[in-house]
Amino acid sequence: MNSFDIDKAAAYLRQLSPQDFAAFGLDHVAYVRPVTVDDAPAFSVHAADGTPLTVVPERDVAFATVRQNDMEPLSVH
């Protein structure tokens, strides 16, 4: 990418709304974050827009679940 392309991309990104940013990766990524459910550690899986999808007891299970649905898991701390 040359500097013109970068400037053009930056100008485009500045025009996007928060909703536009939330839609990025909606069909491609899911976020996994640690949570506590009934005083036990668990992992919550969320769509790119923040919509909760599921809660599972182990991180590995959360990542496997995301990958089984043809998405890329991302960890949120």
PDB file of N, CA and C in Angstrom:
ATOM      1  N   MET A   1       0.848  -1.176   0.000  1.00  0.00           N
ATOM      2  CA  MET A   1       0.000   0.000   0.000  1.00  0.00           C
ATOM      3  C   MET A   1       0.892   1.236   0.000  1.00  0.00           C
ATOM      4  N   ASN A   2       0.619   2.168  -0.884  1.00  0.00           N
ATOM      5  CA  ASN A   2       1.394   3.406  -0.875  1.00  0.00           C
ATOM      6  C   ASN A   2       0.710   4.428   0.023  1.00  0.00           C
ATOM      7  N   SER A   3       1.355   5.568   0.209  1.00  0.00           N
ATOM      8  CA  SER A   3       0.809   6.556   1.148  1.00  0.00           C
ATOM      9  C   SER A   3      -0.528   7.117   0.677  1.00  0.00           C
ATOM     10  N   PHE A   4      -0.739   7.200  -0.644  1.00  0.00           N
ATOM     11  CA  PHE A   4      -2.038   7.661  -1.151  1.00  0.00           C
ATOM     12  C   PHE A   4      -3.141   6.699  -0.747  1.00  0.00           C
ATOM     13  N   ASP A   5      -2.895   5.399  -0.904  1.00  0.00           N
ATOM     14  CA  ASP A   5      -3.893   4.398  -0.528  1.00  0.00           C
ATOM     15  C   ASP A   5      -4.198   4.455   0.964  1.00  0.00           C
ATOM     16  N   ILE A   6      -3.181   4.646   1.767  1.00  0.00           N
ATOM     17  CA  ILE A   6      -3.360   4.723   3.217  1.00  0.00           C
ATOM     18  C   ILE A   6      -4.186   5.955   3.574  1.00  0.00           C
ATOM     19  N   ASP A   7      -3.874   7.089   2.951  1.00  0.00           N
ATOM     20  CA  ASP A   7      -4.637   8.316   3.212  1.00  0.00           C
ATOM     21  C   ASP A   7      -6.094   8.160   2.784  1.00  0.00           C
ATOM     22  N   LYS A   8      -6.312   7.519   1.653  1.00  0.00           N
ATOM     23  CA  LYS A   8      -7.663   7.287   1.151  1.00  0.00           C
ATOM     24  C   LYS A   8      -8.441   6.369   2.102  1.00  0.00           C
ATOM     25  N   ALA A   9      -7.783   5.308   2.563  1.00  0.00           N
ATOM     26  CA  ALA A   9      -8.421   4.383   3.499  1.00  0.00           C
ATOM     27  C   ALA A   9      -8.726   5.083   4.823  1.00  0.00           C
ATOM     28  N   ALA A  10      -7.796   5.889   5.300  1.00  0.00           N
ATOM     29  CA  ALA A  10      -8.004   6.608   6.563  1.00  0.00           C
ATOM     30  C   ALA A  10      -9.187   7.568   6.448  1.00  0.00           C
ATOM     31  N   ALA A  11      -9.288   8.259   5.317  1.00  0.00           N
ATOM     32  CA  ALA A  11     -10.410   9.185   5.119  1.00  0.00           C
ATOM     33  C   ALA A  11     -11.733   8.425   5.126  1.00  0.00           C
ATOM     34  N   TYR A  12     -11.756   7.263   4.493  1.00  0.00           N
ATOM     35  CA  TYR A  12     -12.972   6.444   4.476  1.00  0.00           C
ATOM     36  C   TYR A  12     -13.341   5.997   5.884  1.00  0.00           C
ATOM     37  N   LEU A  13     -12.356   5.522   6.635  1.00  0.00           N
ATOM     38  CA  LEU A  13     -12.624   5.020   7.987  1.00  0.00           C
ATOM     39  C   LEU A  13     -13.144   6.114   8.909  1.00  0.00           C
ATOM     40  N   ARG A  14     -12.692   7.345   8.722  1.00  0.00           N
ATOM     41  CA  ARG A  14     -13.164   8.452   9.559  1.00  0.00           C
ATOM     42  C   ARG A  14     -14.651   8.734   9.366  1.00  0.00           C
ATOM     43  N   GLN A  15     -15.214   8.312   8.231  1.00  0.00           N
ATOM     44  CA  GLN A  15     -16.617   8.574   7.941  1.00  0.00           C
ATOM     45  C   GLN A  15     -17.550   7.492   8.488  1.00  0.00           C
ATOM     46  N   LEU A  16     -16.998   6.406   8.993  1.00  0.00           N
ATOM     47  CA  LEU A  16     -17.825   5.301   9.463  1.00  0.00           C
ATOM     48  C   LEU A  16     -18.424   5.605  10.831  1.00  0.00           C
ATOM     49  N   SER A  17     -19.653   5.168  11.011  1.00  0.00           N
ATOM     50  CA  SER A  17     -20.333   5.342  12.301  1.00  0.00           C
ATOM     51  C   SER A  17     -19.926   4.212  13.246  1.00  0.00           C
ATOM     52  N   PRO A  18     -20.227   4.352  14.540  1.00  0.00           N
ATOM     53  CA  PRO A  18     -19.964   3.246  15.468  1.00  0.00           C
ATOM     54  C   PRO A  18     -20.682   1.959  15.058  1.00  0.00           C
ATOM     55  N   GLN A  19     -21.863   2.083  14.471  1.00  0.00           N
ATOM     56  CA  GLN A  19     -22.591   0.902  14.011  1.00  0.00           C
ATOM     57  C   GLN A  19     -21.865   0.232  12.844  1.00  0.00           C
ATOM     58  N   ASP A  20     -21.268   1.052  11.964  1.00  0.00           N
ATOM     59  CA  ASP A  20     -20.489   0.492  10.854  1.00  0.00           C
ATOM     60  C   ASP A  20     -19.304  -0.301  11.387  1.00  0.00           C
ATOM     61  N   PHE A  21     -18.608   0.256  12.387  1.00  0.00           N
ATOM     62  CA  PHE A  21     -17.477  -0.454  12.970  1.00  0.00           C
ATOM     63  C   PHE A  21     -17.926  -1.756  13.625  1.00  0.00           C
ATOM     64  N   ALA A  22     -19.066  -1.731  14.286  1.00  0.00           N
ATOM     65  CA  ALA A  22     -19.577  -2.938  14.946  1.00  0.00           C
ATOM     66  C   ALA A  22     -19.881  -4.031  13.935  1.00  0.00           C
ATOM     67  N   ALA A  23     -20.260  -3.638  12.729  1.00  0.00           N
ATOM     68  CA  ALA A  23     -20.602  -4.620  11.705  1.00  0.00           C
ATOM     69  C   ALA A  23     -19.375  -5.272  11.079  1.00  0.00           C
ATOM     70  N   PHE A  24     -18.187  -4.663  11.247  1.00  0.00           N
ATOM     71  CA  PHE A  24     -16.977  -5.276  10.710  1.00  0.00           C
ATOM     72  C   PHE A  24     -16.780  -6.646  11.316  1.00  0.00           C
ATOM     73  N   GLY A  25     -16.600  -7.616  10.494  1.00  0.00           N
ATOM     74  CA  GLY A  25     -16.316  -8.964  10.974  1.00  0.00           C
ATOM     75  C   GLY A  25     -17.505  -9.696  11.529  1.00  0.00           C
ATOM     76  N   LEU A  26     -18.684  -9.154  11.367  1.00  0.00           N
ATOM     77  CA  LEU A  26     -19.872  -9.754  11.965  1.00  0.00           C
ATOM     78  C   LEU A  26     -20.022 -11.228  11.613  1.00  0.00           C
ATOM     79  N   ASP A  27     -19.691 -11.578  10.394  1.00  0.00           N
ATOM     80  CA  ASP A  27     -19.810 -12.974   9.969  1.00  0.00           C
ATOM     81  C   ASP A  27     -18.496 -13.733  10.037  1.00  0.00           C
ATOM     82  N   HIS A  28     -17.439 -13.077  10.531  1.00  0.00           N
ATOM     83  CA  HIS A  28     -16.121 -13.689  10.467  1.00  0.00           C
ATOM     84  C   HIS A  28     -15.438 -13.886  11.810  1.00  0.00           C
ATOM     85  N   VAL A  29     -15.798 -13.091  12.791  1.00  0.00           N
ATOM     86  CA  VAL A  29     -15.135 -13.206  14.095  1.00  0.00           C
ATOM     87  C   VAL A  29     -16.159 -13.319  15.210  1.00  0.00           C
ATOM     88  N   ALA A  30     -15.728 -13.933  16.292  1.00  0.00           N
ATOM     89  CA  ALA A  30     -16.508 -13.976  17.528  1.00  0.00           C
ATOM     90  C   ALA A  30     -15.543 -13.720  18.674  1.00  0.00           C
ATOM     91  N   TYR A  31     -16.004 -13.037  19.674  1.00  0.00           N
ATOM     92  CA  TYR A  31     -15.171 -12.680  20.812  1.00  0.00           C
ATOM     93  C   TYR A  31     -15.446 -13.611  21.983  1.00  0.00           C
ATOM     94  N   VAL A  32     -14.367 -14.038  22.627  1.00  0.00           N
ATOM     95  CA  VAL A  32     -14.464 -14.932  23.779  1.00  0.00           C
ATOM     96  C   VAL A  32     -13.911 -14.184  24.977  1.00  0.00           C
ATOM     97  N   ARG A  33     -14.687 -14.142  26.050  1.00  0.00           N
ATOM     98  CA  ARG A  33     -14.208 -13.456  27.256  1.00  0.00           C
ATOM     99  C   ARG A  33     -14.544 -14.263  28.498  1.00  0.00           C
ATOM    100  N   PRO A  34     -13.686 -14.180  29.483  1.00  0.00           N
ATOM    101  CA  PRO A  34     -13.957 -14.897  30.729  1.00  0.00           C
ATOM    102  C   PRO A  34     -15.095 -14.229  31.497  1.00  0.00           C
ATOM    103  N   VAL A  35     -15.947 -15.046  32.081  1.00  0.00           N
ATOM    104  CA  VAL A  35     -17.063 -14.573  32.902  1.00  0.00           C
ATOM    105  C   VAL A  35     -17.215 -15.510  34.099  1.00  0.00           C
ATOM    106  N   THR A  36     -18.061 -15.127  35.020  1.00  0.00           N
ATOM    107  CA  THR A  36     -18.397 -15.979  36.154  1.00  0.00           C
ATOM    108  C   THR A  36     -19.889 -16.267  36.110  1.00  0.00           C
ATOM    109  N   VAL A  37     -20.233 -17.547  36.169  1.00  0.00           N
ATOM    110  CA  VAL A  37     -21.631 -17.963  36.147  1.00  0.00           C
ATOM    111  C   VAL A  37     -21.869 -18.861  37.355  1.00  0.00           C
ATOM    112  N   ASP A  38     -22.784 -18.469  38.216  1.00  0.00           N
ATOM    113  CA  ASP A  38     -23.070 -19.215  39.443  1.00  0.00           C
ATOM    114  C   ASP A  38     -21.789 -19.490  40.237  1.00  0.00           C
ATOM    115  N   ASP A  39     -20.982 -18.450  40.395  1.00  0.00           N
ATOM    116  CA  ASP A  39     -19.716 -18.501  41.138  1.00  0.00           C
ATOM    117  C   ASP A  39     -18.682 -19.449  40.535  1.00  0.00           C
ATOM    118  N   ALA A  40     -18.847 -19.827  39.285  1.00  0.00           N
ATOM    119  CA  ALA A  40     -17.884 -20.705  38.606  1.00  0.00           C
ATOM    120  C   ALA A  40     -17.340 -19.984  37.374  1.00  0.00           C
ATOM    121  N   PRO A  41     -16.057 -20.164  37.075  1.00  0.00           N
ATOM    122  CA  PRO A  41     -15.496 -19.539  35.876  1.00  0.00           C
ATOM    123  C   PRO A  41     -16.103 -20.159  34.617  1.00  0.00           C
ATOM    124  N   ALA A  42     -16.316 -19.325  33.611  1.00  0.00           N
ATOM    125  CA  ALA A  42     -16.865 -19.775  32.327  1.00  0.00           C
ATOM    126  C   ALA A  42     -16.361 -18.820  31.252  1.00  0.00           C
ATOM    127  N   PHE A  43     -16.762 -19.067  30.016  1.00  0.00           N
ATOM    128  CA  PHE A  43     -16.352 -18.216  28.897  1.00  0.00           C
ATOM    129  C   PHE A  43     -17.565 -17.886  28.047  1.00  0.00           C
ATOM    130  N   SER A  44     -17.743 -16.611  27.818  1.00  0.00           N
ATOM    131  CA  SER A  44     -18.871 -16.112  27.037  1.00  0.00           C
ATOM    132  C   SER A  44     -18.396 -15.854  25.609  1.00  0.00           C
ATOM    133  N   VAL A  45     -19.214 -16.244  24.637  1.00  0.00           N
ATOM    134  CA  VAL A  45     -18.914 -16.013  23.223  1.00  0.00           C
ATOM    135  C   VAL A  45     -19.886 -14.957  22.715  1.00  0.00           C
ATOM    136  N   HIS A  46     -19.338 -13.937  22.044  1.00  0.00           N
ATOM    137  CA  HIS A  46     -20.135 -12.824  21.534  1.00  0.00           C
ATOM    138  C   HIS A  46     -19.868 -12.618  20.049  1.00  0.00           C
ATOM    139  N   ALA A  47     -20.900 -12.220  19.308  1.00  0.00           N
ATOM    140  CA  ALA A  47     -20.735 -11.829  17.911  1.00  0.00           C
ATOM    141  C   ALA A  47     -19.929 -10.535  17.858  1.00  0.00           C
ATOM    142  N   ALA A  48     -19.461 -10.173  16.671  1.00  0.00           N
ATOM    143  CA  ALA A  48     -18.660  -8.960  16.511  1.00  0.00           C
ATOM    144  C   ALA A  48     -19.392  -7.709  16.967  1.00  0.00           C
ATOM    145  N   ASP A  49     -20.716  -7.710  16.914  1.00  0.00           N
ATOM    146  CA  ASP A  49     -21.488  -6.544  17.349  1.00  0.00           C
ATOM    147  C   ASP A  49     -21.804  -6.564  18.837  1.00  0.00           C
ATOM    148  N   GLY A  50     -21.286  -7.569  19.548  1.00  0.00           N
ATOM    149  CA  GLY A  50     -21.489  -7.656  20.993  1.00  0.00           C
ATOM    150  C   GLY A  50     -22.650  -8.526  21.418  1.00  0.00           C
ATOM    151  N   THR A  51     -23.396  -9.052  20.483  1.00  0.00           N
ATOM    152  CA  THR A  51     -24.531  -9.912  20.814  1.00  0.00           C
ATOM    153  C   THR A  51     -24.039 -11.194  21.478  1.00  0.00           C
ATOM    154  N   PRO A  52     -24.519 -11.508  22.689  1.00  0.00           N
ATOM    155  CA  PRO A  52     -24.107 -12.757  23.344  1.00  0.00           C
ATOM    156  C   PRO A  52     -24.631 -13.963  22.554  1.00  0.00           C
ATOM    157  N   LEU A  53     -23.764 -14.948  22.356  1.00  0.00           N
ATOM    158  CA  LEU A  53     -24.143 -16.148  21.617  1.00  0.00           C
ATOM    159  C   LEU A  53     -24.275 -17.372  22.503  1.00  0.00           C
ATOM    160  N   THR A  54     -23.308 -17.571  23.391  1.00  0.00           N
ATOM    161  CA  THR A  54     -23.355 -18.735  24.279  1.00  0.00           C
ATOM    162  C   THR A  54     -22.365 -18.554  25.422  1.00  0.00           C
ATOM    163  N   VAL A  55     -22.495 -19.397  26.424  1.00  0.00           N
ATOM    164  CA  VAL A  55     -21.541 -19.464  27.534  1.00  0.00           C
ATOM    165  C   VAL A  55     -21.164 -20.924  27.697  1.00  0.00           C
ATOM    166  N   VAL A  56     -19.868 -21.179  27.779  1.00  0.00           N
ATOM    167  CA  VAL A  56     -19.369 -22.546  27.937  1.00  0.00           C
ATOM    168  C   VAL A  56     -18.382 -22.580  29.106  1.00  0.00           C
ATOM    169  N   PRO A  57     -18.136 -23.768  29.671  1.00  0.00           N
ATOM    170  CA  PRO A  57     -17.318 -23.847  30.875  1.00  0.00           C
ATOM    171  C   PRO A  57     -15.804 -23.694  30.660  1.00  0.00           C
ATOM    172  N   GLU A  58     -15.305 -23.914  29.421  1.00  0.00           N
ATOM    173  CA  GLU A  58     -13.858 -23.879  29.205  1.00  0.00           C
ATOM    174  C   GLU A  58     -13.502 -23.044  27.983  1.00  0.00           C
ATOM    175  N   ARG A  59     -12.349 -22.396  28.050  1.00  0.00           N
ATOM    176  CA  ARG A  59     -11.876 -21.548  26.957  1.00  0.00           C
ATOM    177  C   ARG A  59     -11.689 -22.358  25.677  1.00  0.00           C
ATOM    178  N   ASP A  60     -11.088 -23.523  25.789  1.00  0.00           N
ATOM    179  CA  ASP A  60     -10.858 -24.360  24.611  1.00  0.00           C
ATOM    180  C   ASP A  60     -12.169 -24.737  23.923  1.00  0.00           C
ATOM    181  N   VAL A  61     -13.189 -24.999  24.707  1.00  0.00           N
ATOM    182  CA  VAL A  61     -14.498 -25.336  24.153  1.00  0.00           C
ATOM    183  C   VAL A  61     -15.089 -24.116  23.437  1.00  0.00           C
ATOM    184  N   ALA A  62     -14.912 -22.943  24.008  1.00  0.00           N
ATOM    185  CA  ALA A  62     -15.410 -21.721  23.385  1.00  0.00           C
ATOM    186  C   ALA A  62     -14.745 -21.505  22.029  1.00  0.00           C
ATOM    187  N   PHE A  63     -13.412 -21.648  21.977  1.00  0.00           N
ATOM    188  CA  PHE A  63     -12.687 -21.450  20.729  1.00  0.00           C
ATOM    189  C   PHE A  63     -13.089 -22.506  19.698  1.00  0.00           C
ATOM    190  N   ALA A  64     -13.238 -23.755  20.132  1.00  0.00           N
ATOM    191  CA  ALA A  64     -13.648 -24.828  19.216  1.00  0.00           C
ATOM    192  C   ALA A  64     -15.052 -24.569  18.672  1.00  0.00           C
ATOM    193  N   THR A  65     -15.941 -24.091  19.517  1.00  0.00           N
ATOM    194  CA  THR A  65     -17.309 -23.789  19.097  1.00  0.00           C
ATOM    195  C   THR A  65     -17.315 -22.704  18.027  1.00  0.00           C
ATOM    196  N   VAL A  66     -16.527 -21.681  18.240  1.00  0.00           N
ATOM    197  CA  VAL A  66     -16.444 -20.594  17.264  1.00  0.00           C
ATOM    198  C   VAL A  66     -15.905 -21.121  15.936  1.00  0.00           C
ATOM    199  N   ARG A  67     -14.832 -21.892  15.998  1.00  0.00           N
ATOM    200  CA  ARG A  67     -14.224 -22.420  14.764  1.00  0.00           C
ATOM    201  C   ARG A  67     -15.155 -23.389  14.036  1.00  0.00           C
ATOM    202  N   GLN A  68     -15.944 -24.157  14.778  1.00  0.00           N
ATOM    203  CA  GLN A  68     -16.901 -25.074  14.148  1.00  0.00           C
ATOM    204  C   GLN A  68     -17.965 -24.328  13.350  1.00  0.00           C
ATOM    205  N   ASN A  69     -18.126 -23.066  13.661  1.00  0.00           N
ATOM    206  CA  ASN A  69     -19.097 -22.242  12.952  1.00  0.00           C
ATOM    207  C   ASN A  69     -18.408 -21.342  11.916  1.00  0.00           C
ATOM    208  N   ASP A  70     -17.222 -21.773  11.489  1.00  0.00           N
ATOM    209  CA  ASP A  70     -16.474 -21.082  10.427  1.00  0.00           C
ATOM    210  C   ASP A  70     -16.178 -19.630  10.736  1.00  0.00           C
ATOM    211  N   MET A  71     -15.870 -19.366  12.000  1.00  0.00           N
ATOM    212  CA  MET A  71     -15.506 -18.023  12.419  1.00  0.00           C
ATOM    213  C   MET A  71     -14.156 -18.067  13.115  1.00  0.00           C
ATOM    214  N   GLU A  72     -13.542 -16.915  13.272  1.00  0.00           N
ATOM    215  CA  GLU A  72     -12.258 -16.827  13.946  1.00  0.00           C
ATOM    216  C   GLU A  72     -12.488 -16.296  15.364  1.00  0.00           C
ATOM    217  N   PRO A  73     -12.037 -17.041  16.382  1.00  0.00           N
ATOM    218  CA  PRO A  73     -12.217 -16.564  17.752  1.00  0.00           C
ATOM    219  C   PRO A  73     -11.153 -15.519  18.132  1.00  0.00           C
ATOM    220  N   LEU A  74     -11.562 -14.512  18.857  1.00  0.00           N
ATOM    221  CA  LEU A  74     -10.667 -13.496  19.389  1.00  0.00           C
ATOM    222  C   LEU A  74     -10.893 -13.410  20.882  1.00  0.00           C
ATOM    223  N   SER A  75      -9.808 -13.331  21.611  1.00  0.00           N
ATOM    224  CA  SER A  75      -9.895 -13.284  23.067  1.00  0.00           C
ATOM    225  C   SER A  75     -10.041 -11.844  23.545  1.00  0.00           C
ATOM    226  N   VAL A  76     -10.952 -11.626  24.471  1.00  0.00           N
ATOM    227  CA  VAL A  76     -11.158 -10.319  25.092  1.00  0.00           C
ATOM    228  C   VAL A  76     -10.838 -10.458  26.560  1.00  0.00           C
ATOM    229  N   HIS A  77     -10.033  -9.561  27.085  1.00  0.00           N
ATOM    230  CA  HIS A  77      -9.634  -9.650  28.501  1.00  0.00           C
ATOM    231  C   HIS A  77     -10.333  -8.609  29.309  1.00  0.00           C
TER     232      HIS A  77
END
